[in-house]
Amino acid sequence: ARTALDPLKPLFWLAETEDLHYLDVFDSCYAWRWMHATEKY
């Protein structure tokens, strides 16, 4: 998808995930672990 669509215009890609393997494609992903850790704190 990114290979096909990025040539159209510069795009920002946000992933709802914290699987860091997806950051070879996405620009940003969720900091869920931080959210849960601060709740615990």
PDB file of all heavy atoms in Angstrom:
ATOM      1  N   ALA A   1       0.827  -1.204   0.000  1.00  0.00           N
ATOM      2  CA  ALA A   1       0.000   0.000   0.000  1.00  0.00           C
ATOM      3  C   ALA A   1       0.865   1.259   0.000  1.00  0.00           C
ATOM      4  O   ALA A   1       0.621   2.190  -0.782  1.00  0.00           O
ATOM      5  CB  ALA A   1      -0.922  -0.003   1.213  1.00  0.00           C
ATOM      6  N   ARG A   2       1.872   1.263   0.843  1.00  0.00           N
ATOM      7  CA  ARG A   2       2.700   2.470   0.921  1.00  0.00           C
ATOM      8  C   ARG A   2       3.505   2.666  -0.364  1.00  0.00           C
ATOM      9  O   ARG A   2       3.669   3.798  -0.836  1.00  0.00           O
ATOM     10  CB  ARG A   2       3.616   2.400   2.141  1.00  0.00           C
ATOM     11  CG  ARG A   2       4.348   3.693   2.368  1.00  0.00           C
ATOM     12  CD  ARG A   2       4.743   3.958   3.790  1.00  0.00           C
ATOM     13  NE  ARG A   2       5.225   5.338   3.869  1.00  0.00           N
ATOM     14  CZ  ARG A   2       5.702   5.916   4.944  1.00  0.00           C
ATOM     15  NH1 ARG A   2       5.748   5.259   6.081  1.00  0.00           N
ATOM     16  NH2 ARG A   2       6.123   7.164   4.910  1.00  0.00           N
ATOM     17  N   THR A   3       3.985   1.590  -0.930  1.00  0.00           N
ATOM     18  CA  THR A   3       4.722   1.680  -2.198  1.00  0.00           C
ATOM     19  C   THR A   3       3.831   2.243  -3.298  1.00  0.00           C
ATOM     20  O   THR A   3       4.283   3.038  -4.141  1.00  0.00           O
ATOM     21  CB  THR A   3       5.247   0.291  -2.599  1.00  0.00           C
ATOM     22  OG1 THR A   3       6.136  -0.189  -1.581  1.00  0.00           O
ATOM     23  CG2 THR A   3       5.988   0.350  -3.929  1.00  0.00           C
ATOM     24  N   ALA A   4       2.564   1.872  -3.300  1.00  0.00           N
ATOM     25  CA  ALA A   4       1.634   2.342  -4.330  1.00  0.00           C
ATOM     26  C   ALA A   4       1.170   3.770  -4.101  1.00  0.00           C
ATOM     27  O   ALA A   4       0.954   4.526  -5.061  1.00  0.00           O
ATOM     28  CB  ALA A   4       0.423   1.417  -4.384  1.00  0.00           C
ATOM     29  N   LEU A   5       1.020   4.172  -2.830  1.00  0.00           N
ATOM     30  CA  LEU A   5       0.355   5.440  -2.538  1.00  0.00           C
ATOM     31  C   LEU A   5       1.302   6.595  -2.252  1.00  0.00           C
ATOM     32  O   LEU A   5       0.972   7.755  -2.535  1.00  0.00           O
ATOM     33  CB  LEU A   5      -0.599   5.246  -1.345  1.00  0.00           C
ATOM     34  CG  LEU A   5      -1.710   4.223  -1.571  1.00  0.00           C
ATOM     35  CD1 LEU A   5      -2.518   4.019  -0.299  1.00  0.00           C
ATOM     36  CD2 LEU A   5      -2.611   4.619  -2.723  1.00  0.00           C
ATOM     37  N   ASP A   6       2.475   6.320  -1.695  1.00  0.00           N
ATOM     38  CA  ASP A   6       3.401   7.419  -1.384  1.00  0.00           C
ATOM     39  C   ASP A   6       3.784   8.259  -2.605  1.00  0.00           C
ATOM     40  O   ASP A   6       3.993   9.470  -2.466  1.00  0.00           O
ATOM     41  CB  ASP A   6       4.664   6.884  -0.706  1.00  0.00           C
ATOM     42  CG  ASP A   6       4.512   6.794   0.809  1.00  0.00           C
ATOM     43  OD1 ASP A   6       3.384   7.002   1.308  1.00  0.00           O
ATOM     44  OD2 ASP A   6       5.514   6.510   1.495  1.00  0.00           O
ATOM     45  N   PRO A   7       3.912   7.666  -3.799  1.00  0.00           N
ATOM     46  CA  PRO A   7       4.250   8.512  -4.956  1.00  0.00           C
ATOM     47  C   PRO A   7       3.182   9.556  -5.283  1.00  0.00           C
ATOM     48  O   PRO A   7       3.469  10.540  -5.982  1.00  0.00           O
ATOM     49  CB  PRO A   7       4.404   7.498  -6.092  1.00  0.00           C
ATOM     50  CG  PRO A   7       4.795   6.226  -5.422  1.00  0.00           C
ATOM     51  CD  PRO A   7       4.016   6.230  -4.133  1.00  0.00           C
ATOM     52  N   LEU A   8       1.956   9.379  -4.789  1.00  0.00           N
ATOM     53  CA  LEU A   8       0.896  10.339  -5.082  1.00  0.00           C
ATOM     54  C   LEU A   8       1.125  11.660  -4.357  1.00  0.00           C
ATOM     55  O   LEU A   8       0.865  12.730  -4.896  1.00  0.00           O
ATOM     56  CB  LEU A   8      -0.466   9.767  -4.688  1.00  0.00           C
ATOM     57  CG  LEU A   8      -0.869   8.447  -5.352  1.00  0.00           C
ATOM     58  CD1 LEU A   8      -2.198   7.967  -4.787  1.00  0.00           C
ATOM     59  CD2 LEU A   8      -0.957   8.631  -6.868  1.00  0.00           C
ATOM     60  N   LYS A   9       1.583  11.574  -3.102  1.00  0.00           N
ATOM     61  CA  LYS A   9       1.908  12.748  -2.292  1.00  0.00           C
ATOM     62  C   LYS A   9       2.583  12.245  -1.017  1.00  0.00           C
ATOM     63  O   LYS A   9       2.401  11.081  -0.637  1.00  0.00           O
ATOM     64  CB  LYS A   9       0.662  13.568  -1.952  1.00  0.00           C
ATOM     65  CG  LYS A   9      -0.329  12.903  -1.031  1.00  0.00           C
ATOM     66  CD  LYS A   9      -1.537  13.803  -0.725  1.00  0.00           C
ATOM     67  CE  LYS A   9      -1.145  15.058   0.047  1.00  0.00           C
ATOM     68  NZ  LYS A   9      -2.327  15.825   0.513  1.00  0.00           N
ATOM     69  N   PRO A  10       3.327  13.087  -0.324  1.00  0.00           N
ATOM     70  CA  PRO A  10       3.916  12.655   0.943  1.00  0.00           C
ATOM     71  C   PRO A  10       2.809  12.364   1.962  1.00  0.00           C
ATOM     72  O   PRO A  10       1.948  13.200   2.215  1.00  0.00           O
ATOM     73  CB  PRO A  10       4.760  13.862   1.376  1.00  0.00           C
ATOM     74  CG  PRO A  10       4.996  14.644   0.123  1.00  0.00           C
ATOM     75  CD  PRO A  10       3.767  14.442  -0.713  1.00  0.00           C
ATOM     76  N   LEU A  11       2.845  11.167   2.544  1.00  0.00           N
ATOM     77  CA  LEU A  11       1.798  10.714   3.453  1.00  0.00           C
ATOM     78  C   LEU A  11       2.374  10.333   4.814  1.00  0.00           C
ATOM     79  O   LEU A  11       3.514   9.853   4.903  1.00  0.00           O
ATOM     80  CB  LEU A  11       1.074   9.495   2.870  1.00  0.00           C
ATOM     81  CG  LEU A  11       0.347   9.691   1.544  1.00  0.00           C
ATOM     82  CD1 LEU A  11      -0.078   8.338   0.972  1.00  0.00           C
ATOM     83  CD2 LEU A  11      -0.869  10.602   1.709  1.00  0.00           C
ATOM     84  N   PHE A  12       1.567  10.529   5.853  1.00  0.00           N
ATOM     85  CA  PHE A  12       1.918  10.101   7.201  1.00  0.00           C
ATOM     86  C   PHE A  12       1.156   8.818   7.508  1.00  0.00           C
ATOM     87  O   PHE A  12      -0.050   8.720   7.259  1.00  0.00           O
ATOM     88  CB  PHE A  12       1.547  11.187   8.216  1.00  0.00           C
ATOM     89  CG  PHE A  12       1.675  10.747   9.648  1.00  0.00           C
ATOM     90  CD1 PHE A  12       2.916  10.505  10.209  1.00  0.00           C
ATOM     91  CD2 PHE A  12       0.544  10.572  10.445  1.00  0.00           C
ATOM     92  CE1 PHE A  12       3.034  10.085  11.528  1.00  0.00           C
ATOM     93  CE2 PHE A  12       0.655  10.161  11.764  1.00  0.00           C
ATOM     94  CZ  PHE A  12       1.906   9.921  12.306  1.00  0.00           C
ATOM     95  N   TRP A  13       1.870   7.824   8.072  1.00  0.00           N
ATOM     96  CA  TRP A  13       1.289   6.508   8.340  1.00  0.00           C
ATOM     97  C   TRP A  13       1.431   6.181   9.824  1.00  0.00           C
ATOM     98  O   TRP A  13       2.548   6.008  10.325  1.00  0.00           O
ATOM     99  CB  TRP A  13       1.988   5.439   7.505  1.00  0.00           C
ATOM    100  CG  TRP A  13       1.762   5.576   6.025  1.00  0.00           C
ATOM    101  CD1 TRP A  13       2.352   6.476   5.179  1.00  0.00           C
ATOM    102  CD2 TRP A  13       0.879   4.783   5.220  1.00  0.00           C
ATOM    103  NE1 TRP A  13       1.896   6.297   3.895  1.00  0.00           N
ATOM    104  CE2 TRP A  13       0.994   5.267   3.895  1.00  0.00           C
ATOM    105  CE3 TRP A  13       0.028   3.718   5.488  1.00  0.00           C
ATOM    106  CZ2 TRP A  13       0.271   4.718   2.840  1.00  0.00           C
ATOM    107  CZ3 TRP A  13      -0.696   3.162   4.438  1.00  0.00           C
ATOM    108  CH2 TRP A  13      -0.566   3.656   3.129  1.00  0.00           C
ATOM    109  N   LEU A  14       0.286   6.081  10.503  1.00  0.00           N
ATOM    110  CA  LEU A  14       0.233   5.750  11.927  1.00  0.00           C
ATOM    111  C   LEU A  14      -0.386   4.368  12.092  1.00  0.00           C
ATOM    112  O   LEU A  14      -1.468   4.109  11.567  1.00  0.00           O
ATOM    113  CB  LEU A  14      -0.609   6.791  12.679  1.00  0.00           C
ATOM    114  CG  LEU A  14      -1.015   6.456  14.116  1.00  0.00           C
ATOM    115  CD1 LEU A  14       0.210   6.348  15.027  1.00  0.00           C
ATOM    116  CD2 LEU A  14      -1.990   7.504  14.653  1.00  0.00           C
ATOM    117  N   ALA A  15       0.285   3.496  12.837  1.00  0.00           N
ATOM    118  CA  ALA A  15      -0.213   2.142  13.071  1.00  0.00           C
ATOM    119  C   ALA A  15      -0.760   2.016  14.483  1.00  0.00           C
ATOM    120  O   ALA A  15      -0.080   2.367  15.457  1.00  0.00           O
ATOM    121  CB  ALA A  15       0.903   1.120  12.868  1.00  0.00           C
ATOM    122  N   GLU A  16      -1.978   1.499  14.581  1.00  0.00           N
ATOM    123  CA  GLU A  16      -2.472   1.119  15.895  1.00  0.00           C
ATOM    124  C   GLU A  16      -1.889  -0.261  16.204  1.00  0.00           C
ATOM    125  O   GLU A  16      -2.489  -1.299  15.932  1.00  0.00           O
ATOM    126  CB  GLU A  16      -4.007   1.061  15.928  1.00  0.00           C
ATOM    127  CG  GLU A  16      -4.520   0.807  17.348  1.00  0.00           C
ATOM    128  CD  GLU A  16      -5.968   0.340  17.403  1.00  0.00           C
ATOM    129  OE1 GLU A  16      -6.517  -0.074  16.361  1.00  0.00           O
ATOM    130  OE2 GLU A  16      -6.535   0.377  18.504  1.00  0.00           O
ATOM    131  N   THR A  17      -0.710  -0.249  16.750  1.00  0.00           N
ATOM    132  CA  THR A  17      -0.009  -1.472  17.147  1.00  0.00           C
ATOM    133  C   THR A  17       1.155  -1.060  18.022  1.00  0.00           C
ATOM    134  O   THR A  17       1.540   0.119  18.057  1.00  0.00           O
ATOM    135  CB  THR A  17       0.514  -2.251  15.928  1.00  0.00           C
ATOM    136  OG1 THR A  17       1.018  -3.517  16.369  1.00  0.00           O
ATOM    137  CG2 THR A  17       1.640  -1.509  15.223  1.00  0.00           C
ATOM    138  N   GLU A  18       1.706  -2.036  18.740  1.00  0.00           N
ATOM    139  CA  GLU A  18       3.004  -1.814  19.361  1.00  0.00           C
ATOM    140  C   GLU A  18       3.960  -2.942  18.971  1.00  0.00           C
ATOM    141  O   GLU A  18       4.938  -3.205  19.652  1.00  0.00           O
ATOM    142  CB  GLU A  18       2.888  -1.663  20.878  1.00  0.00           C
ATOM    143  CG  GLU A  18       4.027  -0.828  21.442  1.00  0.00           C
ATOM    144  CD  GLU A  18       3.799  -0.317  22.851  1.00  0.00           C
ATOM    145  OE1 GLU A  18       3.173  -1.014  23.668  1.00  0.00           O
ATOM    146  OE2 GLU A  18       4.273   0.785  23.142  1.00  0.00           O
ATOM    147  N   ASP A  19       3.658  -3.582  17.834  1.00  0.00           N
ATOM    148  CA  ASP A  19       4.582  -4.531  17.227  1.00  0.00           C
ATOM    149  C   ASP A  19       5.578  -3.713  16.406  1.00  0.00           C
ATOM    150  O   ASP A  19       5.260  -3.211  15.325  1.00  0.00           O
ATOM    151  CB  ASP A  19       3.813  -5.505  16.330  1.00  0.00           C
ATOM    152  CG  ASP A  19       4.710  -6.560  15.705  1.00  0.00           C
ATOM    153  OD1 ASP A  19       5.936  -6.340  15.624  1.00  0.00           O
ATOM    154  OD2 ASP A  19       4.180  -7.599  15.273  1.00  0.00           O
ATOM    155  N   LEU A  20       6.784  -3.575  16.948  1.00  0.00           N
ATOM    156  CA  LEU A  20       7.753  -2.658  16.340  1.00  0.00           C
ATOM    157  C   LEU A  20       8.243  -3.130  14.982  1.00  0.00           C
ATOM    158  O   LEU A  20       8.844  -2.354  14.240  1.00  0.00           O
ATOM    159  CB  LEU A  20       8.936  -2.446  17.291  1.00  0.00           C
ATOM    160  CG  LEU A  20       8.574  -1.860  18.664  1.00  0.00           C
ATOM    161  CD1 LEU A  20       9.832  -1.504  19.438  1.00  0.00           C
ATOM    162  CD2 LEU A  20       7.665  -0.644  18.543  1.00  0.00           C
ATOM    163  N   HIS A  21       7.984  -4.398  14.620  1.00  0.00           N
ATOM    164  CA  HIS A  21       8.348  -4.853  13.279  1.00  0.00           C
ATOM    165  C   HIS A  21       7.602  -4.034  12.206  1.00  0.00           C
ATOM    166  O   HIS A  21       8.101  -3.862  11.091  1.00  0.00           O
ATOM    167  CB  HIS A  21       8.024  -6.339  13.101  1.00  0.00           C
ATOM    168  CG  HIS A  21       8.864  -7.237  13.952  1.00  0.00           C
ATOM    169  ND1 HIS A  21       8.468  -7.686  15.172  1.00  0.00           N
ATOM    170  CD2 HIS A  21      10.102  -7.761  13.742  1.00  0.00           C
ATOM    171  CE1 HIS A  21       9.409  -8.452  15.693  1.00  0.00           C
ATOM    172  NE2 HIS A  21      10.408  -8.518  14.848  1.00  0.00           N
ATOM    173  N   TYR A  22       6.429  -3.525  12.561  1.00  0.00           N
ATOM    174  CA  TYR A  22       5.642  -2.763  11.595  1.00  0.00           C
ATOM    175  C   TYR A  22       6.228  -1.381  11.332  1.00  0.00           C
ATOM    176  O   TYR A  22       5.816  -0.697  10.396  1.00  0.00           O
ATOM    177  CB  TYR A  22       4.184  -2.668  12.056  1.00  0.00           C
ATOM    178  CG  TYR A  22       3.391  -3.910  11.724  1.00  0.00           C
ATOM    179  CD1 TYR A  22       3.621  -5.112  12.398  1.00  0.00           C
ATOM    180  CD2 TYR A  22       2.444  -3.908  10.713  1.00  0.00           C
ATOM    181  CE1 TYR A  22       2.920  -6.270  12.082  1.00  0.00           C
ATOM    182  CE2 TYR A  22       1.733  -5.058  10.384  1.00  0.00           C
ATOM    183  CZ  TYR A  22       1.984  -6.231  11.075  1.00  0.00           C
ATOM    184  OH  TYR A  22       1.287  -7.368  10.740  1.00  0.00           O
ATOM    185  N   LEU A  23       7.223  -0.989  12.117  1.00  0.00           N
ATOM    186  CA  LEU A  23       7.838   0.319  11.900  1.00  0.00           C
ATOM    187  C   LEU A  23       8.821   0.316  10.734  1.00  0.00           C
ATOM    188  O   LEU A  23       9.433   1.346  10.449  1.00  0.00           O
ATOM    189  CB  LEU A  23       8.517   0.802  13.179  1.00  0.00           C
ATOM    190  CG  LEU A  23       7.539   1.196  14.299  1.00  0.00           C
ATOM    191  CD1 LEU A  23       8.292   1.548  15.566  1.00  0.00           C
ATOM    192  CD2 LEU A  23       6.638   2.349  13.871  1.00  0.00           C
ATOM    193  N   ASP A  24       8.976  -0.819  10.046  1.00  0.00           N
ATOM    194  CA  ASP A  24       9.703  -0.738   8.784  1.00  0.00           C
ATOM    195  C   ASP A  24       8.808  -0.172   7.681  1.00  0.00           C
ATOM    196  O   ASP A  24       9.277   0.153   6.589  1.00  0.00           O
ATOM    197  CB  ASP A  24      10.311  -2.086   8.375  1.00  0.00           C
ATOM    198  CG  ASP A  24       9.276  -3.157   8.069  1.00  0.00           C
ATOM    199  OD1 ASP A  24       8.070  -2.899   8.288  1.00  0.00           O
ATOM    200  OD2 ASP A  24       9.661  -4.251   7.621  1.00  0.00           O
ATOM    201  N   VAL A  25       7.508  -0.041   7.995  1.00  0.00           N
ATOM    202  CA  VAL A  25       6.557   0.558   7.064  1.00  0.00           C
ATOM    203  C   VAL A  25       5.973   1.849   7.634  1.00  0.00           C
ATOM    204  O   VAL A  25       5.919   2.874   6.948  1.00  0.00           O
ATOM    205  CB  VAL A  25       5.394  -0.405   6.750  1.00  0.00           C
ATOM    206  CG1 VAL A  25       4.436   0.221   5.733  1.00  0.00           C
ATOM    207  CG2 VAL A  25       5.909  -1.743   6.244  1.00  0.00           C
ATOM    208  N   PHE A  26       5.556   1.816   8.900  1.00  0.00           N
ATOM    209  CA  PHE A  26       4.840   2.940   9.504  1.00  0.00           C
ATOM    210  C   PHE A  26       5.804   3.954  10.119  1.00  0.00           C
ATOM    211  O   PHE A  26       6.926   3.614  10.507  1.00  0.00           O
ATOM    212  CB  PHE A  26       3.861   2.433  10.559  1.00  0.00           C
ATOM    213  CG  PHE A  26       2.664   1.736   9.969  1.00  0.00           C
ATOM    214  CD1 PHE A  26       2.671   0.364   9.739  1.00  0.00           C
ATOM    215  CD2 PHE A  26       1.533   2.458   9.620  1.00  0.00           C
ATOM    216  CE1 PHE A  26       1.575  -0.272   9.190  1.00  0.00           C
ATOM    217  CE2 PHE A  26       0.430   1.828   9.060  1.00  0.00           C
ATOM    218  CZ  PHE A  26       0.447   0.465   8.836  1.00  0.00           C
ATOM    219  N   ASP A  27       5.316   5.181  10.227  1.00  0.00           N
ATOM    220  CA  ASP A  27       6.113   6.266  10.801  1.00  0.00           C
ATOM    221  C   ASP A  27       5.962   6.365  12.312  1.00  0.00           C
ATOM    222  O   ASP A  27       6.839   6.880  12.996  1.00  0.00           O
ATOM    223  CB  ASP A  27       5.690   7.608  10.184  1.00  0.00           C
ATOM    224  CG  ASP A  27       5.806   7.603   8.673  1.00  0.00           C
ATOM    225  OD1 ASP A  27       6.859   7.181   8.162  1.00  0.00           O
ATOM    226  OD2 ASP A  27       4.835   8.000   7.993  1.00  0.00           O
ATOM    227  N   SER A  28       4.840   5.901  12.820  1.00  0.00           N
ATOM    228  CA  SER A  28       4.559   6.011  14.247  1.00  0.00           C
ATOM    229  C   SER A  28       3.645   4.868  14.656  1.00  0.00           C
ATOM    230  O   SER A  28       2.877   4.347  13.834  1.00  0.00           O
ATOM    231  CB  SER A  28       3.888   7.360  14.552  1.00  0.00           C
ATOM    232  OG  SER A  28       3.588   7.496  15.935  1.00  0.00           O
ATOM    233  N   CYS A  29       3.743   4.466  15.918  1.00  0.00           N
ATOM    234  CA  CYS A  29       2.808   3.485  16.456  1.00  0.00           C
ATOM    235  C   CYS A  29       2.528   3.805  17.916  1.00  0.00           C
ATOM    236  O   CYS A  29       3.177   4.662  18.519  1.00  0.00           O
ATOM    237  CB  CYS A  29       3.318   2.058  16.275  1.00  0.00           C
ATOM    238  SG  CYS A  29       4.679   1.588  17.353  1.00  0.00           S
ATOM    239  N   TYR A  30       1.570   3.123  18.472  1.00  0.00           N
ATOM    240  CA  TYR A  30       1.061   3.444  19.809  1.00  0.00           C
ATOM    241  C   TYR A  30       2.070   3.138  20.921  1.00  0.00           C
ATOM    242  O   TYR A  30       2.772   2.128  20.870  1.00  0.00           O
ATOM    243  CB  TYR A  30      -0.201   2.636  20.075  1.00  0.00           C
ATOM    244  CG  TYR A  30      -1.469   3.215  19.520  1.00  0.00           C
ATOM    245  CD1 TYR A  30      -1.509   3.783  18.245  1.00  0.00           C
ATOM    246  CD2 TYR A  30      -2.649   3.203  20.246  1.00  0.00           C
ATOM    247  CE1 TYR A  30      -2.683   4.306  17.730  1.00  0.00           C
ATOM    248  CE2 TYR A  30      -3.833   3.706  19.740  1.00  0.00           C
ATOM    249  CZ  TYR A  30      -3.838   4.265  18.483  1.00  0.00           C
ATOM    250  OH  TYR A  30      -5.001   4.776  17.979  1.00  0.00           O
ATOM    251  N   ALA A  31       2.062   3.984  21.944  1.00  0.00           N
ATOM    252  CA  ALA A  31       2.841   3.734  23.157  1.00  0.00           C
ATOM    253  C   ALA A  31       1.910   3.155  24.220  1.00  0.00           C
ATOM    254  O   ALA A  31       1.758   3.700  25.310  1.00  0.00           O
ATOM    255  CB  ALA A  31       3.507   5.006  23.647  1.00  0.00           C
ATOM    256  N   TRP A  32       1.270   2.035  23.900  1.00  0.00           N
ATOM    257  CA  TRP A  32       0.344   1.396  24.837  1.00  0.00           C
ATOM    258  C   TRP A  32       1.044   0.986  26.123  1.00  0.00           C
ATOM    259  O   TRP A  32       0.486   1.116  27.212  1.00  0.00           O
ATOM    260  CB  TRP A  32      -0.250   0.141  24.204  1.00  0.00           C
ATOM    261  CG  TRP A  32      -1.532   0.344  23.477  1.00  0.00           C
ATOM    262  CD1 TRP A  32      -2.588   1.145  23.832  1.00  0.00           C
ATOM    263  CD2 TRP A  32      -1.923  -0.302  22.262  1.00  0.00           C
ATOM    264  NE1 TRP A  32      -3.598   1.029  22.908  1.00  0.00           N
ATOM    265  CE2 TRP A  32      -3.220   0.148  21.939  1.00  0.00           C
ATOM    266  CE3 TRP A  32      -1.301  -1.231  21.427  1.00  0.00           C
ATOM    267  CZ2 TRP A  32      -3.900  -0.287  20.810  1.00  0.00           C
ATOM    268  CZ3 TRP A  32      -1.973  -1.669  20.310  1.00  0.00           C
ATOM    269  CH2 TRP A  32      -3.259  -1.196  20.005  1.00  0.00           C
ATOM    270  N   ARG A  33       2.257   0.452  26.002  1.00  0.00           N
ATOM    271  CA  ARG A  33       2.958  -0.028  27.206  1.00  0.00           C
ATOM    272  C   ARG A  33       3.171   1.112  28.188  1.00  0.00           C
ATOM    273  O   ARG A  33       3.047   0.930  29.399  1.00  0.00           O
ATOM    274  CB  ARG A  33       4.285  -0.677  26.830  1.00  0.00           C
ATOM    275  CG  ARG A  33       4.135  -2.064  26.224  1.00  0.00           C
ATOM    276  CD  ARG A  33       5.477  -2.665  25.891  1.00  0.00           C
ATOM    277  NE  ARG A  33       6.144  -1.905  24.840  1.00  0.00           N
ATOM    278  CZ  ARG A  33       7.452  -1.965  24.571  1.00  0.00           C
ATOM    279  NH1 ARG A  33       8.237  -2.720  25.306  1.00  0.00           N
ATOM    280  NH2 ARG A  33       7.967  -1.267  23.587  1.00  0.00           N
ATOM    281  N   TRP A  34       3.491   2.309  27.655  1.00  0.00           N
ATOM    282  CA  TRP A  34       3.666   3.473  28.529  1.00  0.00           C
ATOM    283  C   TRP A  34       2.345   3.820  29.206  1.00  0.00           C
ATOM    284  O   TRP A  34       2.304   4.093  30.414  1.00  0.00           O
ATOM    285  CB  TRP A  34       4.190   4.655  27.726  1.00  0.00           C
ATOM    286  CG  TRP A  34       4.197   5.941  28.488  1.00  0.00           C
ATOM    287  CD1 TRP A  34       3.349   6.995  28.348  1.00  0.00           C
ATOM    288  CD2 TRP A  34       5.102   6.308  29.533  1.00  0.00           C
ATOM    289  NE1 TRP A  34       3.650   8.005  29.224  1.00  0.00           N
ATOM    290  CE2 TRP A  34       4.727   7.608  29.969  1.00  0.00           C
ATOM    291  CE3 TRP A  34       6.186   5.676  30.146  1.00  0.00           C
ATOM    292  CZ2 TRP A  34       5.406   8.272  30.992  1.00  0.00           C
ATOM    293  CZ3 TRP A  34       6.851   6.339  31.162  1.00  0.00           C
ATOM    294  CH2 TRP A  34       6.471   7.622  31.580  1.00  0.00           C
ATOM    295  N   MET A  35       1.254   3.812  28.443  1.00  0.00           N
ATOM    296  CA  MET A  35      -0.044   4.136  29.024  1.00  0.00           C
ATOM    297  C   MET A  35      -0.386   3.173  30.161  1.00  0.00           C
ATOM    298  O   MET A  35      -0.786   3.588  31.253  1.00  0.00           O
ATOM    299  CB  MET A  35      -1.131   4.088  27.955  1.00  0.00           C
ATOM    300  CG  MET A  35      -2.504   4.515  28.442  1.00  0.00           C
ATOM    301  SD  MET A  35      -3.824   3.896  27.371  1.00  0.00           S
ATOM    302  CE  MET A  35      -3.762   2.140  27.750  1.00  0.00           C
ATOM    303  N   HIS A  36      -0.208   1.874  29.925  1.00  0.00           N
ATOM    304  CA  HIS A  36      -0.546   0.892  30.952  1.00  0.00           C
ATOM    305  C   HIS A  36       0.404   0.991  32.145  1.00  0.00           C
ATOM    306  O   HIS A  36      -0.023   0.842  33.303  1.00  0.00           O
ATOM    307  CB  HIS A  36      -0.515  -0.513  30.365  1.00  0.00           C
ATOM    308  CG  HIS A  36      -1.580  -0.772  29.342  1.00  0.00           C
ATOM    309  ND1 HIS A  36      -2.916  -0.499  29.574  1.00  0.00           N
ATOM    310  CD2 HIS A  36      -1.516  -1.267  28.073  1.00  0.00           C
ATOM    311  CE1 HIS A  36      -3.630  -0.815  28.511  1.00  0.00           C
ATOM    312  NE2 HIS A  36      -2.804  -1.281  27.584  1.00  0.00           N
ATOM    313  N   ALA A  37       1.677   1.251  31.872  1.00  0.00           N
ATOM    314  CA  ALA A  37       2.653   1.350  32.961  1.00  0.00           C
ATOM    315  C   ALA A  37       2.367   2.558  33.850  1.00  0.00           C
ATOM    316  O   ALA A  37       2.503   2.478  35.083  1.00  0.00           O
ATOM    317  CB  ALA A  37       4.073   1.429  32.396  1.00  0.00           C
ATOM    318  N   THR A  38       1.980   3.671  33.243  1.00  0.00           N
ATOM    319  CA  THR A  38       1.675   4.853  34.060  1.00  0.00           C
ATOM    320  C   THR A  38       0.390   4.653  34.861  1.00  0.00           C
ATOM    321  O   THR A  38       0.280   5.125  35.996  1.00  0.00           O
ATOM    322  CB  THR A  38       1.575   6.122  33.195  1.00  0.00           C
ATOM    323  OG1 THR A  38       0.675   5.896  32.089  1.00  0.00           O
ATOM    324  CG2 THR A  38       2.938   6.520  32.653  1.00  0.00           C
ATOM    325  N   GLU A  39      -0.583   3.942  34.278  1.00  0.00           N
ATOM    326  CA  GLU A  39      -1.778   3.603  35.065  1.00  0.00           C
ATOM    327  C   GLU A  39      -1.396   2.794  36.293  1.00  0.00           C
ATOM    328  O   GLU A  39      -1.884   3.056  37.402  1.00  0.00           O
ATOM    329  CB  GLU A  39      -2.759   2.804  34.207  1.00  0.00           C
ATOM    330  CG  GLU A  39      -3.536   3.601  33.188  1.00  0.00           C
ATOM    331  CD  GLU A  39      -4.556   2.724  32.485  1.00  0.00           C
ATOM    332  OE1 GLU A  39      -5.688   2.630  32.980  1.00  0.00           O
ATOM    333  OE2 GLU A  39      -4.203   2.123  31.453  1.00  0.00           O
ATOM    334  N   LYS A  40      -0.537   1.809  36.116  1.00  0.00           N
ATOM    335  CA  LYS A  40      -0.097   0.994  37.251  1.00  0.00           C
ATOM    336  C   LYS A  40       0.644   1.841  38.278  1.00  0.00           C
ATOM    337  O   LYS A  40       0.448   1.675  39.490  1.00  0.00           O
ATOM    338  CB  LYS A  40       0.799  -0.150  36.764  1.00  0.00           C
ATOM    339  CG  LYS A  40       0.080  -1.242  36.011  1.00  0.00           C
ATOM    340  CD  LYS A  40       1.041  -2.322  35.540  1.00  0.00           C
ATOM    341  CE  LYS A  40       1.673  -3.061  36.705  1.00  0.00           C
ATOM    342  NZ  LYS A  40       2.545  -4.179  36.222  1.00  0.00           N
ATOM    343  N   TYR A  41       1.467   2.758  37.784  1.00  0.00           N
ATOM    344  CA  TYR A  41       2.219   3.605  38.722  1.00  0.00           C
ATOM    345  C   TYR A  41       1.270   4.448  39.571  1.00  0.00           C
ATOM    346  O   TYR A  41       1.433   4.529  40.798  1.00  0.00           O
ATOM    347  CB  TYR A  41       3.203   4.517  37.979  1.00  0.00           C
ATOM    348  CG  TYR A  41       3.879   5.489  38.923  1.00  0.00           C
ATOM    349  CD1 TYR A  41       4.956   5.086  39.704  1.00  0.00           C
ATOM    350  CD2 TYR A  41       3.400   6.792  39.081  1.00  0.00           C
ATOM    351  CE1 TYR A  41       5.547   5.950  40.607  1.00  0.00           C
ATOM    352  CE2 TYR A  41       3.989   7.663  39.979  1.00  0.00           C
ATOM    353  CZ  TYR A  41       5.057   7.234  40.739  1.00  0.00           C
ATOM    354  OH  TYR A  41       5.629   8.092  41.651  1.00  0.00           O
TER     355      TYR A  41
END
